[in-house]
Amino acid sequence: MIEDKDFQERIKKAERTAYRAAFVTALASILLLITIYYPSFSFGVSNTEVLAEVEADEDRIENGIHVRTGLKEAAGLMTVVNNCTNCHSSKLVIQNRMTEERWNETIKWMQKKQGLWELGDDQKIIVDYLVKNYPPQKKGRRLALTDIEWYELED
């Protein structure tokens, strides 16, 4: 009889443990479903706070360089980022060093052939930024070859 009583207590304890596990599982499932079907639902952190954090991180400047794009920090940077990197990589901007005239011609071409919108007053800001920070680089000639034994080509 004592063994039956001990066995019965163990069964009751196992049942309580099973009920607790089932409750915790059900609660976790409900929270998971809420998170999946209502992503805007949050526990203490608003979406605007999260968005502000992400935007601040995207516009971070380190050592004078805009981290996300690699462009130099200077007046007009964000105008360039907002207008130029919507359609193409900032690397394309960095590698194409041009004069003011050539940048303006390129912008006209992009508007005519590539669907670029009218920039208005932003065009001057963009071109000024690009000319100041990414001017044409003078490419010097290589050094003259010396001590070369030349030969004549035969027809």
Protein backbone atom coordinates (compact mmCIF):
# COMPACT_ATOMS: atom_id res chain seq x y z
CA MET A 1 0.00 0.00 0.00
CA ILE A 2 2.86 2.35 0.77
CA GLU A 3 4.29 1.66 -2.65
CA ASP A 4 0.94 2.56 -4.24
CA LYS A 5 0.85 5.87 -2.34
CA ASP A 6 4.41 6.75 -3.40
CA PHE A 7 3.58 5.80 -6.98
CA GLN A 8 0.44 7.98 -6.92
CA GLU A 9 2.45 11.01 -5.68
CA ARG A 10 4.98 10.55 -8.44
CA ILE A 11 2.20 10.39 -11.01
CA LYS A 12 0.65 13.63 -9.68
CA LYS A 13 4.04 15.35 -9.73
CA ALA A 14 4.61 14.22 -13.33
CA GLU A 15 1.15 15.49 -14.29
CA ARG A 16 1.84 18.93 -12.76
CA THR A 17 5.16 19.11 -14.63
CA ALA A 18 3.44 18.13 -17.89
CA TYR A 19 0.72 20.79 -17.37
CA ARG A 20 3.35 23.46 -16.69
CA ALA A 21 5.31 22.47 -19.82
CA ALA A 22 2.12 22.55 -21.91
CA PHE A 23 1.25 26.00 -20.54
CA VAL A 24 4.70 27.42 -21.27
CA THR A 25 4.63 25.90 -24.79
CA ALA A 26 1.19 27.36 -25.49
CA LEU A 27 2.25 30.79 -24.22
CA ALA A 28 5.41 30.75 -26.36
CA SER A 29 3.36 29.68 -29.40
CA ILE A 30 0.90 32.52 -28.90
CA LEU A 31 3.71 35.07 -28.59
CA LEU A 32 5.38 33.68 -31.72
CA LEU A 33 2.14 33.95 -33.70
CA ILE A 34 1.60 37.52 -32.52
CA THR A 35 5.14 38.41 -33.58
CA ILE A 36 4.67 36.80 -37.02
CA TYR A 37 1.25 38.26 -37.81
CA TYR A 38 1.77 41.66 -36.16
CA PRO A 39 5.42 42.59 -36.71
CA SER A 40 4.76 46.13 -35.50
CA PHE A 41 3.88 44.73 -32.08
CA SER A 42 6.85 45.21 -29.80
CA PHE A 43 7.79 44.86 -26.18
CA GLY A 44 8.88 48.31 -25.05
CA VAL A 45 10.75 49.44 -28.20
CA SER A 46 8.86 51.53 -30.74
CA ASN A 47 9.37 51.14 -34.48
CA THR A 48 10.35 54.79 -34.78
CA GLU A 49 13.18 54.22 -32.29
CA VAL A 50 14.43 51.24 -34.29
CA LEU A 51 14.16 53.16 -37.58
CA ALA A 52 16.03 56.13 -36.11
CA GLU A 53 18.82 53.80 -35.01
CA VAL A 54 19.09 52.20 -38.46
CA GLU A 55 19.07 55.57 -40.25
CA ALA A 56 21.71 56.98 -37.90
CA ASP A 57 23.89 53.94 -38.54
CA GLU A 58 23.48 54.24 -42.33
CA ASP A 59 24.65 57.86 -42.29
CA ARG A 60 27.65 57.23 -40.03
CA ILE A 61 30.87 59.06 -40.92
CA GLU A 62 34.24 57.59 -39.93
CA ASN A 63 37.58 59.24 -40.68
CA GLY A 64 35.88 61.70 -43.04
CA ILE A 65 34.21 58.96 -45.10
CA HIS A 66 30.51 58.14 -45.30
CA VAL A 67 30.64 54.48 -44.25
CA ARG A 68 27.77 53.13 -46.37
CA THR A 69 28.86 54.76 -49.64
CA GLY A 70 32.57 55.49 -49.29
CA LEU A 71 32.03 59.11 -50.35
CA LYS A 72 34.04 61.91 -48.72
CA GLU A 73 32.38 63.99 -46.02
CA ALA A 74 31.82 67.53 -47.29
CA ALA A 75 29.07 70.02 -48.01
CA GLY A 76 26.53 68.42 -50.34
CA LEU A 77 27.32 64.81 -49.36
CA MET A 78 23.77 63.83 -48.41
CA THR A 79 22.35 65.50 -51.54
CA VAL A 80 24.70 63.33 -53.61
CA VAL A 81 23.84 60.21 -51.62
CA ASN A 82 20.09 60.84 -51.90
CA ASN A 83 20.11 61.62 -55.62
CA CYS A 84 22.93 59.53 -57.07
CA THR A 85 22.98 56.27 -55.14
CA ASN A 86 19.30 55.56 -55.79
CA CYS A 87 20.19 54.41 -59.30
CA HIS A 88 23.81 53.33 -59.17
CA SER A 89 26.68 52.54 -56.85
CA SER A 90 28.69 55.33 -55.30
CA LYS A 91 31.77 53.58 -56.72
CA LEU A 92 30.63 54.68 -60.17
CA VAL A 93 30.64 58.29 -58.95
CA ILE A 94 34.05 57.97 -57.32
CA GLN A 95 35.77 56.44 -60.35
CA ASN A 96 34.34 58.93 -62.89
CA ARG A 97 36.25 62.08 -62.04
CA MET A 98 35.14 64.94 -64.27
CA THR A 99 35.12 68.70 -64.67
CA GLU A 100 32.05 70.80 -63.92
CA GLU A 101 31.14 70.90 -67.60
CA ARG A 102 31.43 67.11 -68.00
CA TRP A 103 29.38 66.43 -64.83
CA ASN A 104 26.60 68.70 -66.12
CA GLU A 105 26.69 66.96 -69.52
CA THR A 106 26.55 63.57 -67.81
CA ILE A 107 23.56 64.63 -65.73
CA LYS A 108 21.77 65.87 -68.89
CA TRP A 109 22.51 62.52 -70.57
CA MET A 110 21.17 60.59 -67.55
CA GLN A 111 18.00 62.73 -67.62
CA LYS A 112 17.52 62.21 -71.35
CA LYS A 113 18.49 58.54 -71.68
CA GLN A 114 18.31 56.97 -68.20
CA GLY A 115 15.19 58.53 -66.67
CA LEU A 116 16.91 60.73 -64.09
CA TRP A 117 14.47 63.23 -62.59
CA GLU A 118 14.91 67.01 -62.77
CA LEU A 119 17.36 67.95 -60.02
CA GLY A 120 16.51 71.65 -59.80
CA ASP A 121 18.72 73.52 -57.31
CA ASP A 122 20.25 70.20 -56.17
CA GLN A 123 22.18 69.90 -59.44
CA LYS A 124 24.52 72.77 -58.51
CA ILE A 125 25.06 71.28 -55.02
CA ILE A 126 25.81 67.86 -56.52
CA VAL A 127 28.16 69.15 -59.21
CA ASP A 128 29.99 71.43 -56.76
CA TYR A 129 30.49 68.50 -54.37
CA LEU A 130 31.76 66.22 -57.15
CA VAL A 131 34.11 68.78 -58.69
CA LYS A 132 35.58 69.68 -55.31
CA ASN A 133 35.97 66.14 -53.95
CA TYR A 134 36.43 64.06 -57.11
CA PRO A 135 38.17 66.31 -59.67
CA PRO A 136 39.85 64.87 -62.74
CA GLN A 137 43.21 63.36 -61.91
CA LYS A 138 46.16 64.28 -64.01
CA LYS A 139 47.65 61.17 -65.39
CA GLY A 140 51.33 61.60 -65.96
CA ARG A 141 53.23 59.79 -68.60
CA ARG A 142 55.34 56.87 -67.69
CA LEU A 143 59.08 57.36 -67.47
CA ALA A 144 60.95 57.17 -70.73
CA LEU A 145 62.33 53.75 -71.52
CA THR A 146 66.12 53.55 -71.39
CA ASP A 147 68.69 50.88 -72.17
CA ILE A 148 66.38 49.11 -74.61
CA GLU A 149 67.68 47.22 -77.60
CA TRP A 150 65.25 48.04 -80.37
CA TYR A 151 64.83 45.95 -83.45
CA GLU A 152 63.35 46.78 -86.80
CA LEU A 153 60.14 45.21 -87.97
CA GLU A 154 60.27 43.50 -91.32
CA ASP A 155 57.46 43.83 -93.83
